[in-house]
Protein backbone atom coordinates (compact mmCIF):
# COMPACT_ATOMS: atom_id res chain seq x y z
CA MET A 1 -0.22 0.05 -0.16
CA THR A 2 1.52 3.10 -1.48
CA HIS A 3 -0.73 5.32 -0.59
CA ALA A 4 -3.91 7.59 1.33
CA TYR A 5 -7.24 5.86 1.19
CA PRO A 6 -9.94 7.90 2.16
CA PHE A 7 -13.14 6.78 3.82
CA ASP A 8 -16.20 7.50 5.36
CA TRP A 9 -17.62 6.24 8.58
CA VAL A 10 -21.57 6.19 7.88
CA ASP A 11 -23.99 4.80 9.73
CA ALA A 12 -26.77 3.38 7.94
CA PHE A 13 -30.74 2.83 8.23
CA THR A 14 -30.98 6.04 10.46
CA ASP A 15 -31.03 9.82 9.77
CA GLN A 16 -29.37 10.48 13.41
CA PRO A 17 -25.41 10.09 14.00
CA PHE A 18 -24.36 6.93 16.42
CA GLY A 19 -28.03 5.22 15.34
CA GLY A 20 -28.37 2.25 13.27
CA ASN A 21 -25.42 0.34 12.48
CA GLY A 22 -22.23 1.51 11.38
CA CYS A 23 -19.72 0.88 8.18
CA ALA A 24 -16.73 2.25 6.92
CA VAL A 25 -16.30 2.62 3.17
CA VAL A 26 -12.88 2.80 1.99
CA HIS A 27 -12.62 4.33 -1.44
CA ASP A 28 -10.01 2.06 -3.42
CA GLY A 29 -10.58 1.93 -6.69
CA GLY A 30 -10.52 -1.68 -6.80
CA ALA A 31 -6.69 -1.65 -5.78
CA LEU A 32 -6.87 -3.16 -2.24
CA ASP A 33 -5.48 -6.37 -1.58
CA ILE A 34 -8.23 -9.14 0.43
CA ASP A 35 -5.49 -9.63 3.33
CA THR A 36 -5.53 -5.34 3.45
CA CYS A 37 -9.73 -5.51 3.55
CA LEU A 38 -9.74 -8.19 6.28
CA THR A 39 -6.93 -5.84 8.09
CA PHE A 40 -8.38 -3.05 8.43
CA THR A 41 -12.27 -4.38 8.82
CA ARG A 42 -10.90 -5.83 12.12
CA GLU A 43 -9.09 -2.64 13.29
CA THR A 44 -12.50 -0.65 12.77
CA GLY A 45 -14.21 -2.97 15.71
CA LEU A 46 -17.45 -2.71 13.15
CA VAL A 47 -19.75 -5.82 11.79
CA GLU A 48 -18.49 -4.70 8.48
CA CYS A 49 -16.47 -2.49 5.64
CA THR A 50 -16.91 -1.97 2.43
CA PHE A 51 -14.10 -0.87 -0.64
CA VAL A 52 -15.48 0.94 -3.77
CA GLY A 53 -14.14 1.13 -6.70
CA PRO A 54 -15.42 1.55 -10.87
CA SER A 55 -17.17 -0.93 -12.67
CA GLU A 56 -17.85 -2.07 -16.29
CA ILE A 57 -21.53 -3.34 -15.94
CA ALA A 58 -22.51 -0.43 -12.94
CA ASP A 59 -21.92 2.90 -11.84
CA ALA A 60 -19.81 1.72 -8.86
CA LYS A 61 -18.75 -1.67 -7.48
CA VAL A 62 -18.97 -2.44 -3.99
CA ARG A 63 -16.94 -5.03 -2.08
CA TYR A 64 -18.54 -6.31 1.24
CA PHE A 65 -15.72 -7.44 4.24
CA PHE A 66 -16.61 -8.85 6.98
CA PRO A 67 -13.25 -9.34 9.91
CA THR A 68 -13.23 -12.79 8.21
CA ARG A 69 -14.13 -13.05 5.27
CA GLU A 70 -15.32 -11.60 2.06
CA ILE A 71 -19.11 -12.13 1.17
CA PRO A 72 -21.11 -11.54 -1.86
CA PHE A 73 -23.54 -8.53 -0.22
CA ALA A 74 -24.66 -6.86 2.67
CA GLY A 75 -27.74 -4.57 3.43
CA HIS A 76 -26.14 -1.84 5.75
CA PRO A 77 -23.29 -1.62 4.03
CA THR A 78 -24.91 -1.23 0.69
CA ILE A 79 -26.70 1.74 2.48
CA ALA A 80 -23.67 2.93 3.41
CA SER A 81 -21.48 3.10 0.24
CA VAL A 82 -24.63 4.87 -1.76
CA THR A 83 -24.31 7.38 0.95
CA SER A 84 -20.81 8.34 0.75
CA LEU A 85 -20.85 7.30 -3.02
CA ILE A 86 -23.25 10.83 -3.62
CA ALA A 87 -22.00 12.42 -0.97
CA ARG A 88 -18.49 12.44 -2.91
CA GLY A 89 -19.59 13.29 -6.24
CA VAL A 90 -18.83 9.45 -7.99
CA VAL A 91 -22.20 8.80 -8.45
CA THR A 92 -25.86 10.70 -8.58
CA GLY A 93 -28.91 9.83 -9.03
CA PRO A 94 -32.15 9.40 -8.99
CA ASP A 95 -31.38 5.87 -10.17
CA LEU A 96 -28.20 4.28 -10.28
CA THR A 97 -26.64 0.52 -10.00
CA LEU A 98 -24.30 -1.14 -7.99
CA GLU A 99 -21.91 -4.08 -9.16
CA THR A 100 -21.82 -6.78 -6.15
CA GLY A 101 -20.72 -10.25 -5.70
CA ALA A 102 -24.79 -11.17 -5.68
CA GLY A 103 -25.25 -9.57 -9.16
CA VAL A 104 -26.06 -5.93 -10.09
CA VAL A 105 -28.11 -4.17 -7.12
CA PRO A 106 -30.58 -1.60 -8.66
CA ILE A 107 -30.83 1.78 -6.09
CA ARG A 108 -33.13 4.21 -6.53
CA LEU A 109 -32.99 7.71 -4.52
CA SER A 110 -35.38 10.45 -3.27
CA ASP A 111 -35.99 13.77 -3.06
CA ASP A 112 -35.84 13.20 0.85
CA GLY A 113 -32.66 10.94 0.98
CA LEU A 114 -34.47 7.94 0.91
CA ILE A 115 -32.28 4.73 -0.82
CA THR A 116 -34.03 1.71 -1.41
CA MET A 117 -32.28 -1.49 -2.54
CA THR A 118 -34.14 -4.27 -4.64
CA GLN A 119 -32.94 -6.97 -3.61
CA ASN A 120 -32.72 -10.21 -5.21
CA ALA A 121 -35.67 -12.67 -6.31
CA PRO A 122 -35.65 -14.49 -2.89
CA LYS A 123 -34.06 -18.40 -3.18
CA PHE A 124 -36.06 -20.56 -0.69
CA GLY A 125 -33.39 -23.24 0.52
CA GLU A 126 -34.16 -26.31 3.17
CA THR A 127 -36.01 -26.05 6.87
CA VAL A 128 -34.32 -26.34 9.93
CA ALA A 129 -35.58 -28.35 12.83
CA ALA A 130 -37.07 -25.61 15.36
CA ASP A 131 -35.67 -28.18 18.20
CA LEU A 132 -31.94 -27.17 16.67
CA ILE A 133 -32.88 -23.59 16.38
CA ALA A 134 -34.12 -23.25 20.49
CA ARG A 135 -30.98 -25.54 21.49
CA LEU A 136 -29.09 -22.58 19.91
CA ALA A 137 -30.63 -19.97 21.16
CA GLY A 138 -31.23 -21.00 24.74
CA ILE A 139 -35.25 -20.40 24.61
CA ASP A 140 -38.37 -23.06 24.12
CA VAL A 141 -39.53 -24.85 20.97
CA ALA A 142 -42.72 -23.07 21.80
CA GLU A 143 -41.56 -19.72 21.02
CA ILE A 144 -41.02 -20.38 17.35
CA VAL A 145 -43.82 -19.99 15.05
CA GLY A 146 -43.17 -22.00 11.98
CA ARG A 147 -40.63 -23.69 10.39
CA PRO A 148 -37.42 -21.98 10.58
CA GLN A 149 -35.57 -21.85 6.86
CA VAL A 150 -32.75 -20.96 4.68
CA VAL A 151 -33.43 -18.00 2.42
CA SER A 152 -31.43 -15.63 0.44
CA THR A 153 -31.72 -12.66 -1.24
CA GLY A 154 -28.17 -11.47 -2.05
CA LEU A 155 -26.72 -13.26 1.63
CA PRO A 156 -27.92 -16.62 2.81
CA PHE A 157 -29.52 -16.46 6.43
CA CYS A 158 -31.57 -18.72 8.62
CA ILE A 159 -34.67 -17.11 9.46
CA VAL A 160 -36.36 -17.75 12.36
CA ALA A 161 -40.34 -15.97 13.78
CA LEU A 162 -40.82 -15.87 17.17
CA ARG A 163 -43.97 -15.21 18.82
CA ASP A 164 -43.46 -11.65 20.66
CA ILE A 165 -40.68 -9.79 21.47
CA GLU A 166 -40.13 -11.12 24.87
CA ALA A 167 -39.35 -14.45 23.20
CA LEU A 168 -36.64 -12.54 20.67
CA ARG A 169 -35.12 -10.60 23.74
CA LYS A 170 -33.94 -13.87 25.76
CA VAL A 171 -31.96 -15.26 22.20
CA GLN A 172 -28.80 -15.88 23.52
CA LEU A 173 -26.23 -17.78 21.50
CA ASP A 174 -24.76 -20.88 22.88
CA LEU A 175 -21.75 -19.81 20.62
CA ASP A 176 -19.90 -23.67 21.64
CA TYR A 177 -23.27 -25.53 19.61
CA LEU A 178 -22.92 -22.34 16.77
CA PRO A 179 -20.43 -24.53 14.21
CA GLU A 180 -21.88 -27.90 14.34
CA PHE A 181 -24.92 -26.19 13.76
CA GLN A 182 -23.59 -24.73 10.74
CA LYS A 183 -21.99 -27.31 9.89
CA GLY A 184 -22.82 -28.22 5.92
CA LEU A 185 -25.33 -25.31 6.00
CA THR A 186 -24.99 -23.35 2.75
CA LEU A 187 -27.50 -22.39 -0.12
CA ASP A 188 -25.46 -22.60 -3.75
CA GLY A 189 -22.65 -22.88 -2.08
CA VAL A 190 -22.28 -20.03 -0.17
CA PRO A 191 -22.08 -20.61 3.68
CA VAL A 192 -25.42 -19.27 5.56
CA MET A 193 -25.14 -16.49 8.40
CA GLU A 194 -25.93 -17.22 11.93
CA PRO A 195 -30.20 -16.97 12.44
CA TYR A 196 -31.70 -13.60 12.17
CA PHE A 197 -34.43 -13.95 14.62
CA VAL A 198 -37.95 -12.25 14.11
CA THR A 199 -41.00 -11.13 15.71
CA CYS A 200 -44.01 -9.26 13.98
CA THR A 201 -44.30 -6.81 16.59
CA GLY A 202 -42.13 -3.17 16.16
CA ALA A 203 -39.75 -2.38 18.97
CA THR A 204 -41.84 1.44 18.79
CA ALA A 205 -45.22 1.50 17.70
CA SER A 206 -44.34 3.06 14.33
CA GLY A 207 -42.51 -0.60 13.07
CA ASP A 208 -44.50 -3.94 11.91
CA THR A 209 -41.17 -5.90 12.99
CA PHE A 210 -38.79 -6.02 15.42
CA GLY A 211 -35.07 -7.77 14.48
CA ARG A 212 -32.10 -9.60 16.06
CA LEU A 213 -28.96 -11.24 14.88
CA LEU A 214 -25.74 -12.05 17.35
CA LEU A 215 -22.71 -13.35 15.88
CA PRO A 216 -19.10 -14.64 16.82
CA PRO A 217 -15.87 -13.52 17.83
CA PRO A 218 -14.49 -11.97 16.34
CA SER A 219 -17.23 -10.25 15.21
CA PRO A 220 -19.36 -7.37 17.45
CA ALA A 221 -21.51 -9.88 19.74
CA GLU A 222 -24.78 -8.18 17.86
CA ASP A 223 -25.49 -6.97 15.00
CA PRO A 224 -27.44 -3.46 15.04
CA PHE A 225 -29.22 -3.52 12.01
CA THR A 226 -28.82 -5.88 9.06
CA GLY A 227 -30.63 -4.58 5.63
CA SER A 228 -29.64 -8.09 4.11
CA ALA A 229 -31.35 -10.81 6.89
CA THR A 230 -33.75 -7.57 6.58
CA GLY A 231 -34.92 -8.70 2.90
CA CYS A 232 -34.96 -12.33 3.52
CA ALA A 233 -37.19 -12.02 6.44
CA GLY A 234 -39.11 -10.05 4.63
CA ALA A 235 -39.39 -12.73 2.03
CA TYR A 236 -39.68 -15.19 4.28
CA LEU A 237 -42.70 -13.55 6.18
CA TRP A 238 -44.92 -12.50 3.09
CA HIS A 239 -44.00 -15.92 1.71
CA HIS A 240 -45.60 -18.19 4.95
CA GLY A 241 -48.29 -15.54 5.54
CA LEU A 242 -46.85 -14.66 8.78
CA ILE A 243 -47.81 -10.94 7.17
CA GLU A 244 -50.45 -9.30 5.88
CA SER A 245 -48.67 -6.71 3.51
CA PRO A 246 -46.13 -6.50 1.66
CA ASN A 247 -45.24 -3.24 2.73
CA TYR A 248 -44.10 -2.68 6.31
CA ILE A 249 -41.50 -0.90 8.42
CA ALA A 250 -38.54 -2.93 10.21
CA GLU A 251 -36.71 -2.26 13.49
CA GLN A 252 -34.03 -3.54 14.59
CA GLY A 253 -31.12 -2.33 17.04
CA HIS A 254 -33.11 -0.48 19.66
CA ASP A 255 -32.11 -2.78 22.78
CA MET A 256 -28.73 -1.94 22.14
CA GLY A 257 -29.19 1.87 22.10
CA ARG A 258 -28.56 1.66 18.31
CA PRO A 259 -32.36 2.57 16.63
CA GLY A 260 -32.40 1.37 13.48
CA GLN A 261 -35.31 1.33 10.53
CA ALA A 262 -36.21 0.31 7.30
CA GLN A 263 -39.01 0.38 5.04
CA VAL A 264 -39.79 -3.28 3.05
CA THR A 265 -41.50 -4.08 0.10
CA VAL A 266 -41.87 -7.70 -1.31
CA LEU A 267 -42.71 -7.71 -4.57
CA GLY A 268 -44.76 -10.31 -6.34
CA PRO A 269 -47.19 -12.87 -4.98
CA ARG A 270 -46.93 -15.22 -1.72
CA ASP A 271 -46.30 -18.10 -3.63
CA ALA A 272 -43.46 -16.41 -5.60
CA PRO A 273 -41.87 -13.43 -4.42
CA THR A 274 -39.66 -11.24 -7.78
CA GLY A 275 -37.41 -9.17 -5.46
CA VAL A 276 -37.35 -7.75 -1.73
CA GLU A 277 -36.92 -3.58 -1.52
CA VAL A 278 -35.43 -2.53 1.56
CA SER A 279 -35.09 1.51 1.77
CA GLY A 280 -33.41 3.30 4.53
CA ARG A 281 -30.85 6.65 5.28
CA GLY A 282 -27.07 7.10 5.75
CA VAL A 283 -25.50 9.44 7.58
CA ILE A 284 -21.61 10.30 7.41
CA VAL A 285 -20.16 10.62 11.05
CA MET A 286 -16.60 11.38 10.51
CA ARG A 287 -14.20 10.78 7.60
CA GLY A 288 -10.64 10.08 7.58
CA GLU A 289 -7.84 7.63 5.28
CA MET A 290 -6.16 5.22 5.75
CA LEU A 291 -2.38 6.11 5.44
CA PRO A 292 0.45 3.95 3.68
CA HIS A 293 2.78 1.58 5.36
CA PRO A 294 5.23 -0.30 5.08
CA GLY A 295 5.25 -4.03 3.95
């Protein structure tokens, strides 16, 4: 690394600094190697960071990184990346596209700053026994609604619907059992993320659902807001008849002191959804440079 790379630290799915979920968006022009991206992500202590650059097939290319690996797509980093790209004048609206590992993602910008991503048509994978979820989460089987199922709109999650917000707040991952639970659990060759737990009760009066995503080290213990899992959950809830309308407000992070909110629209009929629109806002809270270093 021979020169500095600018970055924006963006809080996504919020219009208030220090709410929602943070993501550092590095403008690297496609130059940085995987090890540097991983090291930078670990250094920030964030769940995910993105590295943006030019694309031959879209308005910009976005690469998404956990502290441990690159992933094909993520939701809150998409909102963060668009916020940063727009602020720096790299792209303009109202319509643009992003090249990601999960394909080209259409983006729509509203006049009031709302960013809408259209996630892929959902793929529904295998179902998971409720007793295995209960063991992993430390809850009773009776608190699980329906059959948990792997769903992907760009990144696969095991979606678990719970009967109420009290059950959701009880969830605590058994980190010793987690590797066994996830072993061999994939969709189209992509490892399935940790379960996303959701209940059809909002954290506030304006919300329709409330979700949680707990994570193992070296990631933070809980993700304040996950846009990709929100898309998967929307497809799951609509497909299985757990929500009456395909349009609703999803909330997450309130119990962590980082409230976030998304507008969700599941496209297409219940039996064959064609995509999921997940909309949110982003706010830049700080800017900096990743400085060159020897070696």
